[in-house]
C-alpha atoms as a PDB file:
ATOM      1  CA  UNK A   1      -0.259  -0.787   0.240  1.00  0.00           C
ATOM      2  CA  UNK A   2       2.780   2.546  -0.209  1.00  0.00           C
ATOM      3  CA  UNK A   3       6.131   3.320   1.852  1.00  0.00           C
ATOM      4  CA  UNK A   4       3.897   4.610   5.000  1.00  0.00           C
ATOM      5  CA  UNK A   5       0.642   6.246   5.852  1.00  0.00           C
ATOM      6  CA  UNK A   6       1.944   9.277   6.975  1.00  0.00           C
ATOM      7  CA  UNK A   7       1.218  12.217   4.650  1.00  0.00           C
ATOM      8  CA  UNK A   8       3.902  14.072   3.014  1.00  0.00           C
ATOM      9  CA  UNK A   9       7.782  13.810   3.540  1.00  0.00           C
ATOM     10  CA  UNK A  10       7.831  11.520   6.527  1.00  0.00           C
ATOM     11  CA  UNK A  11       8.909   7.779   5.125  1.00  0.00           C
ATOM     12  CA  UNK A  12       8.995   5.986   8.774  1.00  0.00           C
ATOM     13  CA  UNK A  13       7.422   3.262   8.920  1.00  0.00           C
ATOM     14  CA  UNK A  14       8.335  -0.695   9.936  1.00  0.00           C
ATOM     15  CA  UNK A  15       7.037  -3.448   7.733  1.00  0.00           C
ATOM     16  CA  UNK A  16       8.382  -6.939   6.947  1.00  0.00           C
ATOM     17  CA  UNK A  17       8.798  -6.271   3.722  1.00  0.00           C
ATOM     18  CA  UNK A  18      11.246  -3.308   1.553  1.00  0.00           C
ATOM     19  CA  UNK A  19      10.698  -4.557  -1.925  1.00  0.00           C
ATOM     20  CA  UNK A  20       9.042  -2.556  -4.137  1.00  0.00           C
ATOM     21  CA  UNK A  21       6.640  -6.299  -4.629  1.00  0.00           C
ATOM     22  CA  UNK A  22       4.090  -6.024  -1.665  1.00  0.00           C
ATOM     23  CA  UNK A  23       4.842 -10.076  -0.975  1.00  0.00           C
ATOM     24  CA  UNK A  24       9.398  -9.857  -2.328  1.00  0.00           C
ATOM     25  CA  UNK A  25       9.557 -10.117   1.413  1.00  0.00           C
ATOM     26  CA  UNK A  26       7.276 -13.121   2.628  1.00  0.00           C
ATOM     27  CA  UNK A  27       8.465 -14.556   5.891  1.00  0.00           C
ATOM     28  CA  UNK A  28       7.953 -18.463   5.656  1.00  0.00           C
ATOM     29  CA  UNK A  29       8.339 -19.664   9.300  1.00  0.00           C
ATOM     30  CA  UNK A  30       9.435 -16.952  10.551  1.00  0.00           C
ATOM     31  CA  UNK A  31       8.090 -14.656  12.513  1.00  0.00           C
ATOM     32  CA  UNK A  32       8.703 -10.417  13.610  1.00  0.00           C
ATOM     33  CA  UNK A  33       8.101  -9.029  16.151  1.00  0.00           C
ATOM     34  CA  UNK A  34       8.278  -5.090  16.886  1.00  0.00           C
ATOM     35  CA  UNK A  35       8.376  -3.079  20.206  1.00  0.00           C
ATOM     36  CA  UNK A  36       7.560   0.357  21.100  1.00  0.00           C
ATOM     37  CA  UNK A  37       9.543   1.988  24.137  1.00  0.00           C
ATOM     38  CA  UNK A  38       7.303   2.310  27.401  1.00  0.00           C
ATOM     39  CA  UNK A  39       5.376   5.131  27.786  1.00  0.00           C
ATOM     40  CA  UNK A  40       4.428   6.848  31.173  1.00  0.00           C
ATOM     41  CA  UNK A  41       0.604   6.623  31.329  1.00  0.00           C
ATOM     42  CA  UNK A  42       0.531   6.462  35.020  1.00  0.00           C
ATOM     43  CA  UNK A  43      -1.888   9.715  34.543  1.00  0.00           C
ATOM     44  CA  UNK A  44      -3.963   8.627  31.518  1.00  0.00           C
ATOM     45  CA  UNK A  45      -7.555   8.580  32.365  1.00  0.00           C
ATOM     46  CA  UNK A  46      -8.864   6.230  29.324  1.00  0.00           C
ATOM     47  CA  UNK A  47      -5.956   5.929  27.212  1.00  0.00           C
ATOM     48  CA  UNK A  48      -6.244   4.228  23.296  1.00  0.00           C
ATOM     49  CA  UNK A  49      -3.952   3.125  20.896  1.00  0.00           C
ATOM     50  CA  UNK A  50      -3.958   3.780  17.288  1.00  0.00           C
ATOM     51  CA  UNK A  51      -1.868   2.408  15.018  1.00  0.00           C
ATOM     52  CA  UNK A  52      -2.571   2.802  10.700  1.00  0.00           C
ATOM     53  CA  UNK A  53      -1.950  -0.594   9.929  1.00  0.00           C
ATOM     54  CA  UNK A  54      -2.181  -3.371   6.564  1.00  0.00           C
ATOM     55  CA  UNK A  55      -1.640  -6.909   6.484  1.00  0.00           C
ATOM     56  CA  UNK A  56      -1.959  -9.868   4.363  1.00  0.00           C
ATOM     57  CA  UNK A  57      -1.693 -13.471   4.997  1.00  0.00           C
ATOM     58  CA  UNK A  58      -2.558 -15.616   1.358  1.00  0.00           C
ATOM     59  CA  UNK A  59      -2.344 -18.581   0.803  1.00  0.00           C
ATOM     60  CA  UNK A  60      -1.389 -18.648  -3.622  1.00  0.00           C
ATOM     61  CA  UNK A  61      -1.647 -22.291  -3.751  1.00  0.00           C
ATOM     62  CA  UNK A  62      -4.799 -22.927  -3.073  1.00  0.00           C
ATOM     63  CA  UNK A  63      -7.367 -23.946  -5.785  1.00  0.00           C
ATOM     64  CA  UNK A  64      -9.307 -21.172  -7.663  1.00  0.00           C
ATOM     65  CA  UNK A  65      -7.124 -18.620  -6.111  1.00  0.00           C
ATOM     66  CA  UNK A  66      -5.754 -16.834  -3.574  1.00  0.00           C
ATOM     67  CA  UNK A  67      -7.324 -17.602  -0.196  1.00  0.00           C
ATOM     68  CA  UNK A  68      -6.498 -16.460   3.265  1.00  0.00           C
ATOM     69  CA  UNK A  69      -4.955 -18.312   5.909  1.00  0.00           C
ATOM     70  CA  UNK A  70      -5.621 -19.005   8.927  1.00  0.00           C
ATOM     71  CA  UNK A  71      -3.079 -18.228  10.760  1.00  0.00           C
ATOM     72  CA  UNK A  72      -0.203 -15.198  10.262  1.00  0.00           C
ATOM     73  CA  UNK A  73      -2.328 -12.524  11.860  1.00  0.00           C
ATOM     74  CA  UNK A  74      -1.023  -9.062  12.966  1.00  0.00           C
ATOM     75  CA  UNK A  75      -1.775  -9.505  16.676  1.00  0.00           C
ATOM     76  CA  UNK A  76      -1.346  -6.228  19.170  1.00  0.00           C
ATOM     77  CA  UNK A  77       0.385  -7.402  22.783  1.00  0.00           C
ATOM     78  CA  UNK A  78       0.489  -4.489  25.569  1.00  0.00           C
ATOM     79  CA  UNK A  79       2.573  -4.930  29.120  1.00  0.00           C
ATOM     80  CA  UNK A  80       1.661  -2.569  32.249  1.00  0.00           C
ATOM     81  CA  UNK A  81       5.510  -3.935  33.437  1.00  0.00           C
ATOM     82  CA  UNK A  82       8.234  -2.385  30.769  1.00  0.00           C
ATOM     83  CA  UNK A  83       7.441  -5.820  28.808  1.00  0.00           C
ATOM     84  CA  UNK A  84       8.624  -7.979  31.699  1.00  0.00           C
ATOM     85  CA  UNK A  85       5.334  -9.768  30.821  1.00  0.00           C
ATOM     86  CA  UNK A  86       2.465  -8.939  27.957  1.00  0.00           C
ATOM     87  CA  UNK A  87      -1.418  -9.126  27.306  1.00  0.00           C
ATOM     88  CA  UNK A  88      -3.297  -9.753  23.878  1.00  0.00           C
ATOM     89  CA  UNK A  89      -5.310  -6.498  23.210  1.00  0.00           C
ATOM     90  CA  UNK A  90      -6.124  -7.263  19.366  1.00  0.00           C
ATOM     91  CA  UNK A  91      -5.094  -9.000  16.174  1.00  0.00           C
ATOM     92  CA  UNK A  92      -5.675  -7.939  12.717  1.00  0.00           C
ATOM     93  CA  UNK A  93      -6.731 -10.821  10.392  1.00  0.00           C
ATOM     94  CA  UNK A  94      -8.541  -8.810   7.739  1.00  0.00           C
ATOM     95  CA  UNK A  95      -6.314  -8.472   4.143  1.00  0.00           C
ATOM     96  CA  UNK A  96      -5.892  -5.092   3.235  1.00  0.00           C
ATOM     97  CA  UNK A  97      -4.728  -3.378   0.770  1.00  0.00           C
ATOM     98  CA  UNK A  98      -4.448  -0.365   1.959  1.00  0.00           C
ATOM     99  CA  UNK A  99      -3.552   1.412   5.193  1.00  0.00           C
ATOM    100  CA  UNK A 100      -6.561   0.781   7.971  1.00  0.00           C
ATOM    101  CA  UNK A 101      -6.777   2.461  11.457  1.00  0.00           C
ATOM    102  CA  UNK A 102      -7.031   0.226  14.005  1.00  0.00           C
ATOM    103  CA  UNK A 103      -7.673   1.282  17.404  1.00  0.00           C
ATOM    104  CA  UNK A 104      -7.532  -0.320  20.975  1.00  0.00           C
ATOM    105  CA  UNK A 105      -8.887   0.686  24.684  1.00  0.00           C
ATOM    106  CA  UNK A 106      -5.508  -0.308  26.606  1.00  0.00           C
ATOM    107  CA  UNK A 107      -8.110  -0.350  29.724  1.00  0.00           C
ATOM    108  CA  UNK A 108     -10.216  -3.612  27.943  1.00  0.00           C
ATOM    109  CA  UNK A 109      -6.363  -4.827  28.986  1.00  0.00           C
ATOM    110  CA  UNK A 110      -4.495  -3.560  31.359  1.00  0.00           C
ATOM    111  CA  UNK A 111      -4.434  -0.742  33.822  1.00  0.00           C
ATOM    112  CA  UNK A 112      -2.102   1.237  32.326  1.00  0.00           C
ATOM    113  CA  UNK A 113       1.457   2.682  34.377  1.00  0.00           C
ATOM    114  CA  UNK A 114       4.678   4.171  33.673  1.00  0.00           C
ATOM    115  CA  UNK A 115       6.224   1.245  32.444  1.00  0.00           C
ATOM    116  CA  UNK A 116       3.397   1.122  29.363  1.00  0.00           C
ATOM    117  CA  UNK A 117       4.884  -0.616  26.124  1.00  0.00           C
ATOM    118  CA  UNK A 118       3.488  -2.143  22.638  1.00  0.00           C
ATOM    119  CA  UNK A 119       4.645  -5.038  20.830  1.00  0.00           C
ATOM    120  CA  UNK A 120       3.387  -6.499  17.515  1.00  0.00           C
ATOM    121  CA  UNK A 121       4.082  -9.543  16.214  1.00  0.00           C
ATOM    122  CA  UNK A 122       3.934 -11.556  13.015  1.00  0.00           C
ATOM    123  CA  UNK A 123       4.371 -15.123  11.999  1.00  0.00           C
ATOM    124  CA  UNK A 124       4.259 -17.294   9.245  1.00  0.00           C
ATOM    125  CA  UNK A 125       3.778 -21.006  10.088  1.00  0.00           C
ATOM    126  CA  UNK A 126       3.373 -22.069   6.346  1.00  0.00           C
ATOM    127  CA  UNK A 127       5.458 -22.213   3.817  1.00  0.00           C
ATOM    128  CA  UNK A 128       2.597 -21.882   0.753  1.00  0.00           C
ATOM    129  CA  UNK A 129       1.318 -18.583   1.821  1.00  0.00           C
ATOM    130  CA  UNK A 130       2.475 -15.130   2.141  1.00  0.00           C
ATOM    131  CA  UNK A 131       2.571 -13.128   5.247  1.00  0.00           C
ATOM    132  CA  UNK A 132       3.072  -9.578   5.582  1.00  0.00           C
ATOM    133  CA  UNK A 133       1.949  -6.310   7.740  1.00  0.00           C
ATOM    134  CA  UNK A 134       2.648  -3.023   8.056  1.00  0.00           C
ATOM    135  CA  UNK A 135       2.810  -0.497  11.276  1.00  0.00           C
ATOM    136  CA  UNK A 136       2.942   3.374  10.736  1.00  0.00           C
ATOM    137  CA  UNK A 137       1.742   7.061  13.089  1.00  0.00           C
ATOM    138  CA  UNK A 138       1.340   4.882  16.245  1.00  0.00           C
ATOM    139  CA  UNK A 139       0.589   7.624  18.780  1.00  0.00           C
ATOM    140  CA  UNK A 140      -1.520   7.302  22.260  1.00  0.00           C
ATOM    141  CA  UNK A 141      -5.425   9.142  22.151  1.00  0.00           C
ATOM    142  CA  UNK A 142      -6.442  10.116  25.845  1.00  0.00           C
ATOM    143  CA  UNK A 143      -9.566  12.007  27.467  1.00  0.00           C
ATOM    144  CA  UNK A 144      -8.525  15.159  28.858  1.00  0.00           C
ATOM    145  CA  UNK A 145      -9.402  15.697  32.376  1.00  0.00           C
ATOM    146  CA  UNK A 146     -11.470  18.638  32.207  1.00  0.00           C
ATOM    147  CA  UNK A 147     -13.397  16.792  29.320  1.00  0.00           C
ATOM    148  CA  UNK A 148     -14.604  14.262  31.441  1.00  0.00           C
ATOM    149  CA  UNK A 149     -18.537  14.753  32.294  1.00  0.00           C
ATOM    150  CA  UNK A 150     -18.915  15.673  35.921  1.00  0.00           C
ATOM    151  CA  UNK A 151     -21.420  12.339  37.419  1.00  0.00           C
ATOM    152  CA  UNK A 152     -25.113  13.984  38.632  1.00  0.00           C
ATOM    153  CA  UNK A 153     -25.321  14.885  42.094  1.00  0.00           C
ATOM    154  CA  UNK A 154     -27.499  12.390  44.340  1.00  0.00           C
ATOM    155  CA  UNK A 155     -31.013  13.881  44.639  1.00  0.00           C
ATOM    156  CA  UNK A 156     -31.558  15.636  48.132  1.00  0.00           C
ATOM    157  CA  UNK A 157     -34.349  12.415  49.380  1.00  0.00           C
ATOM    158  CA  UNK A 158     -37.203  13.554  50.705  1.00  0.00           C
ATOM    159  CA  UNK A 159     -38.149  13.939  54.179  1.00  0.00           C
ATOM    160  CA  UNK A 160     -39.736  11.895  56.170  1.00  0.00           C
ATOM    161  CA  UNK A 161     -43.287  12.551  57.068  1.00  0.00           C
ATOM    162  CA  UNK A 162     -43.711  12.720  61.513  1.00  0.00           C
ATOM    163  CA  UNK A 163     -45.688   9.509  63.056  1.00  0.00           C
ATOM    164  CA  UNK A 164     -48.644  12.839  63.970  1.00  0.00           C
ATOM    165  CA  UNK A 165     -48.344  13.284  60.729  1.00  0.00           C
ATOM    166  CA  UNK A 166     -46.251  17.034  60.342  1.00  0.00           C
ATOM    167  CA  UNK A 167     -49.560  18.414  62.676  1.00  0.00           C
ATOM    168  CA  UNK A 168     -48.553  18.953  65.192  1.00  0.00           C
END
């Protein structure tokens, strides 16, 4: 889908293929891992990981033409301990021919910390398929504290009538 997603002069994306033909960088029998730096999200309100990516996992030997592979997803992981352990937060399995926007709410997987890190992994467990992917324009989007609506105050309870009906 082109060198990268970034408009203008930027040409810095991460992908499994640097060849002009999209299918020249197949990773048969291997895997590729991309790790982010550590982000301090300890003060984040409701952060979301947003990135642009593309993904191809096709079997060109299938009868009737290329068919999607059951393996070869681009798997997105998140860690809140600097990468000591990771939790899966999503996977890209559809084949895309263009840069596509993906967004994952971080708190759906882990509690963000001062040592939040992301990992992207793609593996090709076959020799017949073509598995490749690209990632670009990664950002973390968060709400500003001032944008979060204050909860509605609880209504004042109605006073209980006195036992003599209040006419005492």
